[in-house]
């Protein structure tokens, strides 16, 4: 969050509306499904089989070790309170991501690609 701005529920709702109306939602820890959805939606074809899969799984770029924080611990609760709007927006993005699957299926049907 931006330390110089006191976030409110109104900010959260504005961010949710932006995600819902203007953004294709991808989830970093579900990158295979994100790429699959993008390929379906845009009709992208791979020039070589498994190109995207091999790229995504060969040399991960974000492999820095991070300590795990136990859910319910003092640190967890402090972060959850401080970042409550970020967490709420992330959970909303997960819902949108799940819903995109059906939307993409309908786009494919509309374009004549079957179900």
Protein backbone atom coordinates (compact mmCIF):
# COMPACT_ATOMS: atom_id res chain seq x y z
CA UNK A 1 0.00 0.00 0.00
CA UNK A 2 0.99 3.62 -0.41
CA UNK A 3 2.02 4.91 3.02
CA UNK A 4 0.95 8.47 2.27
CA UNK A 5 -2.65 7.49 1.40
CA UNK A 6 -5.16 6.10 3.87
CA UNK A 7 -6.96 3.43 1.86
CA UNK A 8 -10.69 2.97 2.21
CA UNK A 9 -13.38 0.56 1.07
CA UNK A 10 -14.05 3.02 -1.75
CA UNK A 11 -10.50 2.55 -3.07
CA UNK A 12 -10.98 -1.22 -2.93
CA UNK A 13 -14.24 -1.04 -4.87
CA UNK A 14 -12.63 1.21 -7.49
CA UNK A 15 -9.75 -1.27 -7.90
CA UNK A 16 -12.21 -4.18 -8.18
CA UNK A 17 -14.15 -2.35 -10.90
CA UNK A 18 -10.96 -1.72 -12.85
CA UNK A 19 -9.99 -5.39 -12.67
CA UNK A 20 -13.47 -6.51 -13.65
CA UNK A 21 -13.88 -4.15 -16.60
CA UNK A 22 -10.46 -3.57 -18.08
CA UNK A 23 -8.00 -6.31 -17.23
CA UNK A 24 -7.34 -9.91 -18.13
CA UNK A 25 -6.45 -11.47 -14.79
CA UNK A 26 -3.48 -13.80 -14.59
CA UNK A 27 -2.21 -15.44 -11.41
CA UNK A 28 1.55 -15.89 -11.03
CA UNK A 29 1.34 -19.14 -9.11
CA UNK A 30 -1.10 -20.49 -11.70
CA UNK A 31 0.93 -19.46 -14.73
CA UNK A 32 0.19 -22.60 -16.79
CA UNK A 33 -3.54 -21.89 -16.55
CA UNK A 34 -2.97 -18.17 -17.18
CA UNK A 35 -1.06 -18.91 -20.40
CA UNK A 36 -3.69 -21.47 -21.42
CA UNK A 37 -6.44 -18.87 -20.99
CA UNK A 38 -4.50 -16.25 -22.93
CA UNK A 39 -3.86 -18.70 -25.77
CA UNK A 40 -7.53 -19.67 -25.93
CA UNK A 41 -8.77 -16.08 -25.81
CA UNK A 42 -6.38 -14.65 -28.37
CA UNK A 43 -6.15 -17.77 -30.52
CA UNK A 44 -2.40 -17.99 -30.14
CA UNK A 45 -0.70 -21.08 -31.52
CA UNK A 46 2.72 -22.33 -30.56
CA UNK A 47 5.23 -22.71 -33.38
CA UNK A 48 6.78 -25.63 -31.53
CA UNK A 49 5.00 -28.04 -29.17
CA UNK A 50 5.40 -27.28 -25.46
CA UNK A 51 7.26 -24.03 -26.15
CA UNK A 52 5.39 -22.04 -23.47
CA UNK A 53 5.51 -24.91 -20.99
CA UNK A 54 9.24 -25.40 -21.44
CA UNK A 55 9.88 -21.67 -21.08
CA UNK A 56 7.77 -21.38 -17.94
CA UNK A 57 9.33 -24.41 -16.26
CA UNK A 58 12.96 -24.29 -17.36
CA UNK A 59 14.58 -21.39 -15.52
CA UNK A 60 12.22 -19.65 -13.10
CA UNK A 61 13.24 -16.03 -12.72
CA UNK A 62 11.74 -15.46 -9.27
CA UNK A 63 13.42 -18.14 -7.20
CA UNK A 64 14.66 -16.10 -4.28
CA UNK A 65 14.09 -17.88 -0.98
CA UNK A 66 11.50 -16.29 1.27
CA UNK A 67 10.74 -17.35 4.82
CA UNK A 68 7.34 -18.92 5.32
CA UNK A 69 5.12 -17.05 7.73
CA UNK A 70 2.83 -19.25 9.77
CA UNK A 71 -0.83 -18.42 9.32
CA UNK A 72 -2.20 -16.97 12.57
CA UNK A 73 1.22 -15.95 13.87
CA UNK A 74 1.85 -12.43 15.17
CA UNK A 75 3.68 -11.53 11.94
CA UNK A 76 0.89 -13.02 9.79
CA UNK A 77 -1.79 -11.10 11.67
CA UNK A 78 0.19 -7.84 11.48
CA UNK A 79 0.66 -8.20 7.71
CA UNK A 80 -2.94 -9.26 7.16
CA UNK A 81 -4.16 -6.16 9.00
CA UNK A 82 -1.75 -3.79 7.25
CA UNK A 83 -2.41 -5.23 3.79
CA UNK A 84 -6.11 -6.02 4.17
CA UNK A 85 -7.10 -4.16 1.01
CA UNK A 86 -4.36 -5.84 -1.03
CA UNK A 87 -5.48 -9.22 0.28
CA UNK A 88 -9.12 -8.47 -0.49
CA UNK A 89 -8.20 -7.40 -4.03
CA UNK A 90 -6.09 -10.53 -4.52
CA UNK A 91 -8.98 -12.78 -3.45
CA UNK A 92 -11.29 -10.88 -5.80
CA UNK A 93 -8.74 -11.41 -8.61
CA UNK A 94 -8.77 -15.15 -7.85
CA UNK A 95 -12.55 -15.15 -8.29
CA UNK A 96 -12.26 -13.28 -11.59
CA UNK A 97 -9.55 -15.66 -12.76
CA UNK A 98 -11.78 -18.65 -12.07
CA UNK A 99 -14.67 -16.98 -13.90
CA UNK A 100 -12.56 -16.21 -16.95
CA UNK A 101 -12.49 -19.90 -17.83
CA UNK A 102 -16.22 -19.86 -18.60
CA UNK A 103 -15.99 -16.51 -20.40
CA UNK A 104 -13.17 -17.81 -22.59
CA UNK A 105 -15.14 -20.97 -23.35
CA UNK A 106 -18.07 -18.82 -24.48
CA UNK A 107 -15.80 -16.67 -26.67
CA UNK A 108 -14.46 -19.84 -28.28
CA UNK A 109 -17.99 -21.10 -28.96
CA UNK A 110 -18.99 -17.70 -30.36
CA UNK A 111 -15.98 -17.75 -32.69
CA UNK A 112 -17.03 -21.19 -33.91
CA UNK A 113 -14.32 -23.15 -32.12
CA UNK A 114 -16.66 -25.44 -30.18
CA UNK A 115 -17.01 -25.96 -26.47
